[in-house]
Amino acid sequence: MNELEDVLGLATTHFVDRYVRSLLTWDVLVFFHRNPDAVLDMDGLAARLGRNPDELHGEIDELCRDRILQRAGGLVRYRPEPEMRDTVESFANACQDRGRRLALIALVLHKINPREE
């Protein structure tokens, strides 16, 4: 994992390790980073992400527990603290660079399907 930390930086690596549980979480985080004023119900968010609404519930629940998203009255919005907003921005920026994006994919896939080393 040290190679990935070298490419991504320690803060981004820790963020992914703690908060990015899946590629779906990744999609949700990047969507809200790019659309910080969006307020959507599950069907609207699912449509924007090209996903099934049923698969979103667990991810949204976790991101609400992590205090990155907020849900009220069936609507979801982006509400991280300023420091977390900066960390999500660093993550989203890393997604824009091919080499860093590949490192992020490797890190998330390793979390989803860890192998003996």
Protein backbone atom coordinates (compact mmCIF):
# COMPACT_ATOMS: atom_id res chain seq x y z
CA MET A 1 0.00 0.00 0.00
CA ASN A 2 2.97 2.35 0.41
CA GLU A 3 3.17 2.78 -3.36
CA LEU A 4 -0.45 3.93 -3.41
CA GLU A 5 0.21 6.36 -0.55
CA ASP A 6 3.12 7.77 -2.55
CA VAL A 7 0.85 8.37 -5.55
CA LEU A 8 -2.28 9.53 -3.71
CA GLY A 9 -0.93 11.13 -0.56
CA LEU A 10 -1.59 9.99 2.96
CA ALA A 11 -4.77 12.05 3.50
CA THR A 12 -6.48 10.76 0.36
CA THR A 13 -5.43 7.18 1.10
CA HIS A 14 -6.87 7.41 4.62
CA PHE A 15 -10.05 9.00 3.28
CA VAL A 16 -10.57 6.16 0.81
CA ASP A 17 -9.76 3.58 3.47
CA ARG A 18 -12.31 5.02 5.87
CA TYR A 19 -15.13 6.38 3.70
CA VAL A 20 -15.07 4.94 0.17
CA ARG A 21 -16.66 1.55 0.71
CA SER A 22 -17.35 0.81 -2.95
CA LEU A 23 -17.34 2.24 -6.44
CA LEU A 24 -20.92 3.35 -5.77
CA THR A 25 -19.75 5.39 -2.77
CA TRP A 26 -17.13 6.89 -5.08
CA ASP A 27 -19.83 7.89 -7.58
CA VAL A 28 -22.00 9.45 -4.88
CA LEU A 29 -19.11 11.46 -3.40
CA VAL A 30 -17.94 12.78 -6.75
CA PHE A 31 -21.50 13.62 -7.80
CA PHE A 32 -22.14 15.69 -4.68
CA HIS A 33 -18.72 17.32 -4.86
CA ARG A 34 -19.51 18.44 -8.41
CA ASN A 35 -23.10 19.39 -7.50
CA PRO A 36 -22.81 20.68 -3.93
CA ASP A 37 -26.21 22.40 -3.98
CA ALA A 38 -28.11 19.34 -5.23
CA VAL A 39 -31.03 18.21 -3.09
CA LEU A 40 -32.49 14.98 -4.43
CA ASP A 41 -34.68 12.10 -3.41
CA MET A 42 -33.35 8.57 -3.91
CA ASP A 43 -35.02 8.17 -7.30
CA GLY A 44 -33.56 11.46 -8.55
CA LEU A 45 -30.08 10.61 -7.28
CA ALA A 46 -30.28 7.12 -8.76
CA ALA A 47 -31.32 8.56 -12.12
CA ARG A 48 -28.42 11.03 -12.07
CA LEU A 49 -25.97 8.24 -11.26
CA GLY A 50 -27.50 5.70 -13.63
CA ARG A 51 -28.12 3.33 -10.71
CA ASN A 52 -30.97 1.44 -9.13
CA PRO A 53 -32.46 3.36 -6.18
CA ASP A 54 -32.48 0.20 -4.03
CA GLU A 55 -28.69 -0.12 -4.18
CA LEU A 56 -28.20 3.44 -2.96
CA HIS A 57 -29.86 3.17 0.44
CA GLY A 58 -26.98 1.50 2.30
CA GLU A 59 -24.38 3.83 0.81
CA ILE A 60 -26.42 6.93 1.60
CA ASP A 61 -27.06 5.70 5.15
CA GLU A 62 -23.31 5.23 5.71
CA LEU A 63 -22.41 8.64 4.25
CA CYS A 64 -25.06 10.22 6.50
CA ARG A 65 -23.57 8.45 9.54
CA ASP A 66 -20.17 9.75 8.43
CA ARG A 67 -21.68 13.27 8.36
CA ILE A 68 -20.83 13.81 4.71
CA LEU A 69 -24.43 13.70 3.52
CA GLN A 70 -27.63 14.68 5.27
CA ARG A 71 -31.07 13.18 4.75
CA ALA A 72 -34.27 14.95 5.75
CA GLY A 73 -37.80 14.35 4.55
CA GLY A 74 -36.61 11.81 1.99
CA LEU A 75 -34.19 14.29 0.42
CA VAL A 76 -30.42 13.91 0.37
CA ARG A 77 -27.95 16.79 0.36
CA TYR A 78 -24.21 17.32 0.70
CA ARG A 79 -23.39 18.66 4.17
CA PRO A 80 -19.81 17.91 5.21
CA GLU A 81 -17.85 19.99 7.67
CA PRO A 82 -15.35 22.33 5.95
CA GLU A 83 -12.36 20.05 6.62
CA MET A 84 -14.22 17.04 5.23
CA ARG A 85 -15.32 19.10 2.22
CA ASP A 86 -11.63 19.82 1.53
CA THR A 87 -10.80 16.12 1.81
CA VAL A 88 -13.61 15.16 -0.57
CA GLU A 89 -12.31 17.82 -2.95
CA SER A 90 -8.82 16.28 -2.82
CA PHE A 91 -10.35 12.88 -3.55
CA ALA A 92 -12.42 14.23 -6.46
CA ASN A 93 -9.36 16.04 -7.86
CA ALA A 94 -7.36 12.82 -7.67
CA CYS A 95 -10.08 11.18 -9.77
CA GLN A 96 -9.27 13.62 -12.59
CA ASP A 97 -5.64 12.53 -12.98
CA ARG A 98 -5.24 9.21 -14.82
CA GLY A 99 -2.37 7.87 -12.71
CA ARG A 100 -4.02 8.82 -9.44
CA ARG A 101 -7.40 7.52 -10.64
CA LEU A 102 -5.83 4.12 -11.38
CA ALA A 103 -4.29 4.11 -7.90
CA LEU A 104 -7.69 4.96 -6.40
CA ILE A 105 -9.35 2.16 -8.34
CA ALA A 106 -6.70 -0.29 -7.12
CA LEU A 107 -7.21 0.85 -3.53
CA VAL A 108 -11.00 0.55 -3.67
CA LEU A 109 -10.89 -2.82 -5.43
CA HIS A 110 -8.44 -4.07 -2.81
CA LYS A 111 -10.93 -3.06 -0.11
CA ILE A 112 -13.80 -4.81 -1.90
CA ASN A 113 -11.85 -7.98 -2.60
CA PRO A 114 -8.80 -8.20 -0.33
CA ARG A 115 -6.24 -10.89 -1.15
CA GLU A 116 -3.67 -12.50 1.03
CA GLU A 117 -0.34 -10.73 0.61
